């Protein structure tokens, strides 16, 4: 069923594009929050009150956007 295969591929491709957009939005929000954390950490009187920055790559589970998308479950399905 070639038509069905194309339809499934289109759905998966669309989902991967949405995943990439979500990653970009998350990275931007994390960068904004990290800036606020840095500002806060400069104001607190002691290191024990400082907050940790968000490690975006650890949170998304990849070294970069390409790896994160490559190992996304939908990408694995597309490669089957």
PDB file of N, CA and C in Angstrom:
ATOM      1  N   UNK A   1       0.823  -1.187   0.000  1.00  0.00           N
ATOM      2  CA  UNK A   1       0.000   0.000   0.000  1.00  0.00           C
ATOM      3  C   UNK A   1       0.875   1.262   0.000  1.00  0.00           C
ATOM      4  N   UNK A   2       1.379   1.645  -1.152  1.00  0.00           N
ATOM      5  CA  UNK A   2       2.271   2.802  -1.222  1.00  0.00           C
ATOM      6  C   UNK A   2       1.641   4.091  -0.717  1.00  0.00           C
ATOM      7  N   UNK A   3       0.350   4.302  -0.974  1.00  0.00           N
ATOM      8  CA  UNK A   3      -0.301   5.521  -0.505  1.00  0.00           C
ATOM      9  C   UNK A   3      -0.337   5.611   1.004  1.00  0.00           C
ATOM     10  N   UNK A   4      -0.585   4.477   1.617  1.00  0.00           N
ATOM     11  CA  UNK A   4      -0.638   4.445   3.087  1.00  0.00           C
ATOM     12  C   UNK A   4       0.747   4.706   3.672  1.00  0.00           C
ATOM     13  N   UNK A   5       1.792   4.124   3.059  1.00  0.00           N
ATOM     14  CA  UNK A   5       3.160   4.350   3.518  1.00  0.00           C
ATOM     15  C   UNK A   5       3.508   5.836   3.463  1.00  0.00           C
ATOM     16  N   UNK A   6       3.110   6.497   2.379  1.00  0.00           N
ATOM     17  CA  UNK A   6       3.381   7.938   2.254  1.00  0.00           C
ATOM     18  C   UNK A   6       2.623   8.724   3.311  1.00  0.00           C
ATOM     19  N   UNK A   7       1.403   8.312   3.583  1.00  0.00           N
ATOM     20  CA  UNK A   7       0.601   9.008   4.598  1.00  0.00           C
ATOM     21  C   UNK A   7       1.232   8.856   5.974  1.00  0.00           C
ATOM     22  N   UNK A   8       1.694   7.656   6.275  1.00  0.00           N
ATOM     23  CA  UNK A   8       2.346   7.416   7.565  1.00  0.00           C
ATOM     24  C   UNK A   8       3.636   8.222   7.654  1.00  0.00           C
ATOM     25  N   UNK A   9       4.420   8.213   6.590  1.00  0.00           N
ATOM     26  CA  UNK A   9       5.660   8.999   6.573  1.00  0.00           C
ATOM     27  C   UNK A   9       5.371  10.483   6.761  1.00  0.00           C
ATOM     28  N   UNK A  10       4.311  10.990   6.150  1.00  0.00           N
ATOM     29  CA  UNK A  10       3.952  12.405   6.300  1.00  0.00           C
ATOM     30  C   UNK A  10       3.578  12.715   7.745  1.00  0.00           C
ATOM     31  N   UNK A  11       2.841  11.816   8.376  1.00  0.00           N
ATOM     32  CA  UNK A  11       2.465  12.016   9.780  1.00  0.00           C
ATOM     33  C   UNK A  11       3.705  12.023  10.665  1.00  0.00           C
ATOM     34  N   UNK A  12       4.594  11.078  10.431  1.00  0.00           N
ATOM     35  CA  UNK A  12       5.816  10.993  11.234  1.00  0.00           C
ATOM     36  C   UNK A  12       6.689  12.215  10.991  1.00  0.00           C
ATOM     37  N   UNK A  13       6.826  12.633   9.729  1.00  0.00           N
ATOM     38  CA  UNK A  13       7.627  13.819   9.406  1.00  0.00           C
ATOM     39  C   UNK A  13       7.063  15.058  10.105  1.00  0.00           C
ATOM     40  N   UNK A  14       5.746  15.192  10.093  1.00  0.00           N
ATOM     41  CA  UNK A  14       5.102  16.322  10.759  1.00  0.00           C
ATOM     42  C   UNK A  14       5.364  16.282  12.264  1.00  0.00           C
ATOM     43  N   UNK A  15       5.277  15.098  12.840  1.00  0.00           N
ATOM     44  CA  UNK A  15       5.536  14.964  14.278  1.00  0.00           C
ATOM     45  C   UNK A  15       6.980  15.317  14.604  1.00  0.00           C
ATOM     46  N   UNK A  16       7.918  14.922  13.745  1.00  0.00           N
ATOM     47  CA  UNK A  16       9.320  15.265  13.965  1.00  0.00           C
ATOM     48  C   UNK A  16       9.550  16.770  13.855  1.00  0.00           C
ATOM     49  N   UNK A  17       8.852  17.424  12.937  1.00  0.00           N
ATOM     50  CA  UNK A  17       8.965  18.879  12.816  1.00  0.00           C
ATOM     51  C   UNK A  17       8.432  19.560  14.072  1.00  0.00           C
ATOM     52  N   UNK A  18       7.324  19.055  14.589  1.00  0.00           N
ATOM     53  CA  UNK A  18       6.765  19.607  15.829  1.00  0.00           C
ATOM     54  C   UNK A  18       7.722  19.382  16.989  1.00  0.00           C
ATOM     55  N   UNK A  19       8.367  18.219  17.025  1.00  0.00           N
ATOM     56  CA  UNK A  19       9.349  17.921  18.063  1.00  0.00           C
ATOM     57  C   UNK A  19      10.497  18.929  17.989  1.00  0.00           C
ATOM     58  N   UNK A  20      10.983  19.209  16.792  1.00  0.00           N
ATOM     59  CA  UNK A  20      12.072  20.169  16.625  1.00  0.00           C
ATOM     60  C   UNK A  20      11.643  21.559  17.086  1.00  0.00           C
ATOM     61  N   UNK A  21      10.424  21.969  16.770  1.00  0.00           N
ATOM     62  CA  UNK A  21       9.920  23.272  17.217  1.00  0.00           C
ATOM     63  C   UNK A  21       9.804  23.309  18.733  1.00  0.00           C
ATOM     64  N   UNK A  22       9.340  22.212  19.312  1.00  0.00           N
ATOM     65  CA  UNK A  22       9.216  22.145  20.768  1.00  0.00           C
ATOM     66  C   UNK A  22      10.578  22.239  21.436  1.00  0.00           C
ATOM     67  N   UNK A  23      11.572  21.563  20.854  1.00  0.00           N
ATOM     68  CA  UNK A  23      12.930  21.659  21.393  1.00  0.00           C
ATOM     69  C   UNK A  23      13.438  23.094  21.349  1.00  0.00           C
ATOM     70  N   UNK A  24      13.189  23.771  20.253  1.00  0.00           N
ATOM     71  CA  UNK A  24      13.639  25.158  20.119  1.00  0.00           C
ATOM     72  C   UNK A  24      12.962  26.052  21.156  1.00  0.00           C
ATOM     73  N   UNK A  25      11.650  25.857  21.337  1.00  0.00           N
ATOM     74  CA  UNK A  25      10.936  26.650  22.355  1.00  0.00           C
ATOM     75  C   UNK A  25      11.461  26.353  23.757  1.00  0.00           C
ATOM     76  N   UNK A  26      11.708  25.068  24.046  1.00  0.00           N
ATOM     77  CA  UNK A  26      12.233  24.689  25.352  1.00  0.00           C
ATOM     78  C   UNK A  26      13.604  25.308  25.583  1.00  0.00           C
ATOM     79  N   UNK A  27      14.458  25.243  24.569  1.00  0.00           N
ATOM     80  CA  UNK A  27      15.798  25.818  24.713  1.00  0.00           C
ATOM     81  C   UNK A  27      15.737  27.326  24.969  1.00  0.00           C
ATOM     82  N   UNK A  28      14.833  28.019  24.289  1.00  0.00           N
ATOM     83  CA  UNK A  28      14.703  29.462  24.491  1.00  0.00           C
ATOM     84  C   UNK A  28      14.198  29.770  25.894  1.00  0.00           C
ATOM     85  N   UNK A  29      13.186  29.043  26.337  1.00  0.00           N
ATOM     86  CA  UNK A  29      12.654  29.279  27.685  1.00  0.00           C
ATOM     87  C   UNK A  29      13.688  28.938  28.746  1.00  0.00           C
ATOM     88  N   UNK A  30      14.458  27.873  28.527  1.00  0.00           N
ATOM     89  CA  UNK A  30      15.504  27.502  29.472  1.00  0.00           C
ATOM     90  C   UNK A  30      16.598  28.574  29.514  1.00  0.00           C
ATOM     91  N   UNK A  31      16.944  29.125  28.360  1.00  0.00           N
ATOM     92  CA  UNK A  31      17.953  30.191  28.309  1.00  0.00           C
ATOM     93  C   UNK A  31      17.458  31.422  29.065  1.00  0.00           C
ATOM     94  N   UNK A  32      16.191  31.762  28.886  1.00  0.00           N
ATOM     95  CA  UNK A  32      15.616  32.897  29.615  1.00  0.00           C
ATOM     96  C   UNK A  32      15.640  32.649  31.118  1.00  0.00           C
ATOM     97  N   UNK A  33      15.257  31.441  31.504  1.00  0.00           N
ATOM     98  CA  UNK A  33      15.250  31.102  32.928  1.00  0.00           C
ATOM     99  C   UNK A  33      16.666  31.060  33.485  1.00  0.00           C
ATOM    100  N   UNK A  34      17.615  30.547  32.724  1.00  0.00           N
ATOM    101  CA  UNK A  34      19.008  30.519  33.175  1.00  0.00           C
ATOM    102  C   UNK A  34      19.542  31.928  33.402  1.00  0.00           C
ATOM    103  N   UNK A  35      19.122  32.868  32.580  1.00  0.00           N
ATOM    104  CA  UNK A  35      19.532  34.267  32.781  1.00  0.00           C
ATOM    105  C   UNK A  35      18.988  34.788  34.106  1.00  0.00           C
ATOM    106  N   UNK A  36      17.726  34.481  34.396  1.00  0.00           N
ATOM    107  CA  UNK A  36      17.126  34.895  35.673  1.00  0.00           C
ATOM    108  C   UNK A  36      17.842  34.227  36.850  1.00  0.00           C
ATOM    109  N   UNK A  37      18.217  32.961  36.673  1.00  0.00           N
ATOM    110  CA  UNK A  37      18.940  32.249  37.729  1.00  0.00           C
ATOM    111  C   UNK A  37      20.303  32.894  37.955  1.00  0.00           C
ATOM    112  N   UNK A  38      21.006  33.253  36.880  1.00  0.00           N
ATOM    113  CA  UNK A  38      22.301  33.917  37.015  1.00  0.00           C
ATOM    114  C   UNK A  38      22.163  35.237  37.759  1.00  0.00           C
ATOM    115  N   UNK A  39      21.148  36.011  37.405  1.00  0.00           N
ATOM    116  CA  UNK A  39      20.915  37.285  38.095  1.00  0.00           C
ATOM    117  C   UNK A  39      20.623  37.063  39.576  1.00  0.00           C
ATOM    118  N   UNK A  40      19.797  36.069  39.874  1.00  0.00           N
ATOM    119  CA  UNK A  40      19.476  35.738  41.259  1.00  0.00           C
ATOM    120  C   UNK A  40      20.739  35.321  42.007  1.00  0.00           C
ATOM    121  N   UNK A  41      21.547  34.446  41.383  1.00  0.00           N
ATOM    122  CA  UNK A  41      22.752  33.950  42.047  1.00  0.00           C
ATOM    123  C   UNK A  41      23.750  35.060  42.349  1.00  0.00           C
ATOM    124  N   UNK A  42      23.746  36.120  41.546  1.00  0.00           N
ATOM    125  CA  UNK A  42      24.637  37.255  41.828  1.00  0.00           C
ATOM    126  C   UNK A  42      24.171  38.058  43.040  1.00  0.00           C
ATOM    127  N   UNK A  43      22.891  37.956  43.366  1.00  0.00           N
ATOM    128  CA  UNK A  43      22.328  38.756  44.458  1.00  0.00           C
ATOM    129  C   UNK A  43      22.329  38.039  45.806  1.00  0.00           C
ATOM    130  N   UNK A  44      22.334  36.721  45.812  1.00  0.00           N
ATOM    131  CA  UNK A  44      22.238  36.005  47.090  1.00  0.00           C
ATOM    132  C   UNK A  44      23.552  36.118  47.852  1.00  0.00           C
ATOM    133  N   UNK A  45      23.465  36.155  49.184  1.00  0.00           N
ATOM    134  CA  UNK A  45      24.669  36.413  49.979  1.00  0.00           C
ATOM    135  C   UNK A  45      25.627  35.227  50.083  1.00  0.00           C
ATOM    136  N   UNK A  46      25.169  34.027  49.829  1.00  0.00           N
ATOM    137  CA  UNK A  46      26.023  32.865  50.025  1.00  0.00           C
ATOM    138  C   UNK A  46      25.773  31.830  48.936  1.00  0.00           C
ATOM    139  N   UNK A  47      26.813  31.041  48.669  1.00  0.00           N
ATOM    140  CA  UNK A  47      26.693  29.995  47.655  1.00  0.00           C
ATOM    141  C   UNK A  47      25.607  28.976  47.978  1.00  0.00           C
ATOM    142  N   UNK A  48      25.330  28.770  49.241  1.00  0.00           N
ATOM    143  CA  UNK A  48      24.339  27.746  49.597  1.00  0.00           C
ATOM    144  C   UNK A  48      22.931  28.122  49.149  1.00  0.00           C
ATOM    145  N   UNK A  49      22.700  29.405  48.865  1.00  0.00           N
ATOM    146  CA  UNK A  49      21.383  29.849  48.413  1.00  0.00           C
ATOM    147  C   UNK A  49      21.257  29.890  46.890  1.00  0.00           C
ATOM    148  N   UNK A  50      22.372  29.656  46.218  1.00  0.00           N
ATOM    149  CA  UNK A  50      22.338  29.748  44.758  1.00  0.00           C
ATOM    150  C   UNK A  50      21.556  28.592  44.146  1.00  0.00           C
ATOM    151  N   UNK A  51      20.972  28.863  42.995  1.00  0.00           N
ATOM    152  CA  UNK A  51      20.199  27.871  42.243  1.00  0.00           C
ATOM    153  C   UNK A  51      21.053  27.315  41.114  1.00  0.00           C
ATOM    154  N   UNK A  52      20.795  26.073  40.766  1.00  0.00           N
ATOM    155  CA  UNK A  52      21.502  25.469  39.637  1.00  0.00           C
ATOM    156  C   UNK A  52      20.838  25.893  38.337  1.00  0.00           C
ATOM    157  N   UNK A  53      21.679  26.045  37.329  1.00  0.00           N
ATOM    158  CA  UNK A  53      21.168  26.354  35.991  1.00  0.00           C
ATOM    159  C   UNK A  53      20.549  25.108  35.380  1.00  0.00           C
ATOM    160  N   UNK A  54      19.704  25.308  34.413  1.00  0.00           N
ATOM    161  CA  UNK A  54      19.078  24.195  33.701  1.00  0.00           C
ATOM    162  C   UNK A  54      20.061  23.674  32.659  1.00  0.00           C
ATOM    163  N   UNK A  55      20.345  22.389  32.715  1.00  0.00           N
ATOM    164  CA  UNK A  55      21.198  21.741  31.717  1.00  0.00           C
ATOM    165  C   UNK A  55      20.290  21.224  30.607  1.00  0.00           C
ATOM    166  N   UNK A  56      20.142  22.032  29.582  1.00  0.00           N
ATOM    167  CA  UNK A  56      19.185  21.740  28.516  1.00  0.00           C
ATOM    168  C   UNK A  56      19.517  20.422  27.827  1.00  0.00           C
ATOM    169  N   UNK A  57      20.762  20.196  27.504  1.00  0.00           N
ATOM    170  CA  UNK A  57      21.129  18.983  26.773  1.00  0.00           C
ATOM    171  C   UNK A  57      20.843  17.733  27.600  1.00  0.00           C
ATOM    172  N   UNK A  58      21.052  17.816  28.893  1.00  0.00           N
ATOM    173  CA  UNK A  58      20.724  16.671  29.746  1.00  0.00           C
ATOM    174  C   UNK A  58      19.220  16.442  29.767  1.00  0.00           C
ATOM    175  N   UNK A  59      18.454  17.518  29.789  1.00  0.00           N
ATOM    176  CA  UNK A  59      16.996  17.406  29.842  1.00  0.00           C
ATOM    177  C   UNK A  59      16.408  16.826  28.567  1.00  0.00           C
ATOM    178  N   UNK A  60      16.963  17.195  27.409  1.00  0.00           N
ATOM    179  CA  UNK A  60      16.417  16.675  26.149  1.00  0.00           C
ATOM    180  C   UNK A  60      17.069  15.366  25.746  1.00  0.00           C
ATOM    181  N   UNK A  61      18.155  14.996  26.406  1.00  0.00           N
ATOM    182  CA  UNK A  61      18.755  13.696  26.173  1.00  0.00           C
ATOM    183  C   UNK A  61      19.608  13.583  24.942  1.00  0.00           C
ATOM    184  N   UNK A  62      20.234  14.664  24.522  1.00  0.00           N
ATOM    185  CA  UNK A  62      21.101  14.594  23.352  1.00  0.00           C
ATOM    186  C   UNK A  62      22.143  15.684  23.375  1.00  0.00           C
ATOM    187  N   UNK A  63      23.188  15.492  22.575  1.00  0.00           N
ATOM    188  CA  UNK A  63      24.261  16.473  22.501  1.00  0.00           C
ATOM    189  C   UNK A  63      23.863  17.698  21.704  1.00  0.00           C
ATOM    190  N   UNK A  64      22.939  17.515  20.787  1.00  0.00           N
ATOM    191  CA  UNK A  64      22.460  18.645  20.002  1.00  0.00           C
ATOM    192  C   UNK A  64      21.098  18.293  19.417  1.00  0.00           C
ATOM    193  N   UNK A  65      20.524  19.224  18.719  1.00  0.00           N
ATOM    194  CA  UNK A  65      19.174  19.038  18.179  1.00  0.00           C
ATOM    195  C   UNK A  65      19.109  17.867  17.204  1.00  0.00           C
ATOM    196  N   UNK A  66      20.144  17.690  16.395  1.00  0.00           N
ATOM    197  CA  UNK A  66      20.135  16.607  15.410  1.00  0.00           C
ATOM    198  C   UNK A  66      20.092  15.254  16.120  1.00  0.00           C
ATOM    199  N   UNK A  67      20.914  15.092  17.136  1.00  0.00           N
ATOM    200  CA  UNK A  67      20.909  13.826  17.867  1.00  0.00           C
ATOM    201  C   UNK A  67      19.577  13.624  18.567  1.00  0.00           C
ATOM    202  N   UNK A  68      19.058  14.664  19.176  1.00  0.00           N
ATOM    203  CA  UNK A  68      17.786  14.542  19.871  1.00  0.00           C
ATOM    204  C   UNK A  68      16.678  14.112  18.925  1.00  0.00           C
ATOM    205  N   UNK A  69      16.658  14.681  17.740  1.00  0.00           N
ATOM    206  CA  UNK A  69      15.636  14.316  16.765  1.00  0.00           C
ATOM    207  C   UNK A  69      15.923  12.916  16.224  1.00  0.00           C
ATOM    208  N   UNK A  70      17.194  12.612  15.976  1.00  0.00           N
ATOM    209  CA  UNK A  70      17.560  11.311  15.415  1.00  0.00           C
ATOM    210  C   UNK A  70      17.093  10.165  16.306  1.00  0.00           C
ATOM    211  N   UNK A  71      17.174  10.328  17.611  1.00  0.00           N
ATOM    212  CA  UNK A  71      16.811   9.260  18.530  1.00  0.00           C
ATOM    213  C   UNK A  71      15.397   9.393  19.075  1.00  0.00           C
ATOM    214  N   UNK A  72      14.661  10.327  18.540  1.00  0.00           N
ATOM    215  CA  UNK A  72      13.267  10.452  18.930  1.00  0.00           C
ATOM    216  C   UNK A  72      12.520   9.206  18.455  1.00  0.00           C
ATOM    217  N   UNK A  73      11.591   8.679  19.252  1.00  0.00           N
ATOM    218  CA  UNK A  73      10.883   7.455  18.865  1.00  0.00           C
ATOM    219  C   UNK A  73      10.255   7.498  17.472  1.00  0.00           C
ATOM    220  N   UNK A  74       9.754   8.647  17.065  1.00  0.00           N
ATOM    221  CA  UNK A  74       9.147   8.737  15.735  1.00  0.00           C
ATOM    222  C   UNK A  74      10.203   8.623  14.642  1.00  0.00           C
ATOM    223  N   UNK A  75      11.388   9.124  14.895  1.00  0.00           N
ATOM    224  CA  UNK A  75      12.461   9.010  13.916  1.00  0.00           C
ATOM    225  C   UNK A  75      12.870   7.554  13.753  1.00  0.00           C
ATOM    226  N   UNK A  76      12.865   6.826  14.845  1.00  0.00           N
ATOM    227  CA  UNK A  76      13.208   5.400  14.775  1.00  0.00           C
ATOM    228  C   UNK A  76      12.152   4.670  13.956  1.00  0.00           C
ATOM    229  N   UNK A  77      10.875   4.989  14.166  1.00  0.00           N
ATOM    230  CA  UNK A  77       9.818   4.362  13.381  1.00  0.00           C
ATOM    231  C   UNK A  77       9.970   4.669  11.900  1.00  0.00           C
ATOM    232  N   UNK A  78      10.337   5.902  11.592  1.00  0.00           N
ATOM    233  CA  UNK A  78      10.487   6.301  10.192  1.00  0.00           C
ATOM    234  C   UNK A  78      11.613   5.512   9.514  1.00  0.00           C
ATOM    235  N   UNK A  79      12.637   5.150  10.279  1.00  0.00           N
ATOM    236  CA  UNK A  79      13.771   4.457   9.681  1.00  0.00           C
ATOM    237  C   UNK A  79      13.507   2.964   9.476  1.00  0.00           C
ATOM    238  N   UNK A  80      12.422   2.445  10.019  1.00  0.00           N
ATOM    239  CA  UNK A  80      12.128   0.994   9.869  1.00  0.00           C
ATOM    240  C   UNK A  80      11.678   0.646   8.467  1.00  0.00           C
TER     241      UNK A  80
END
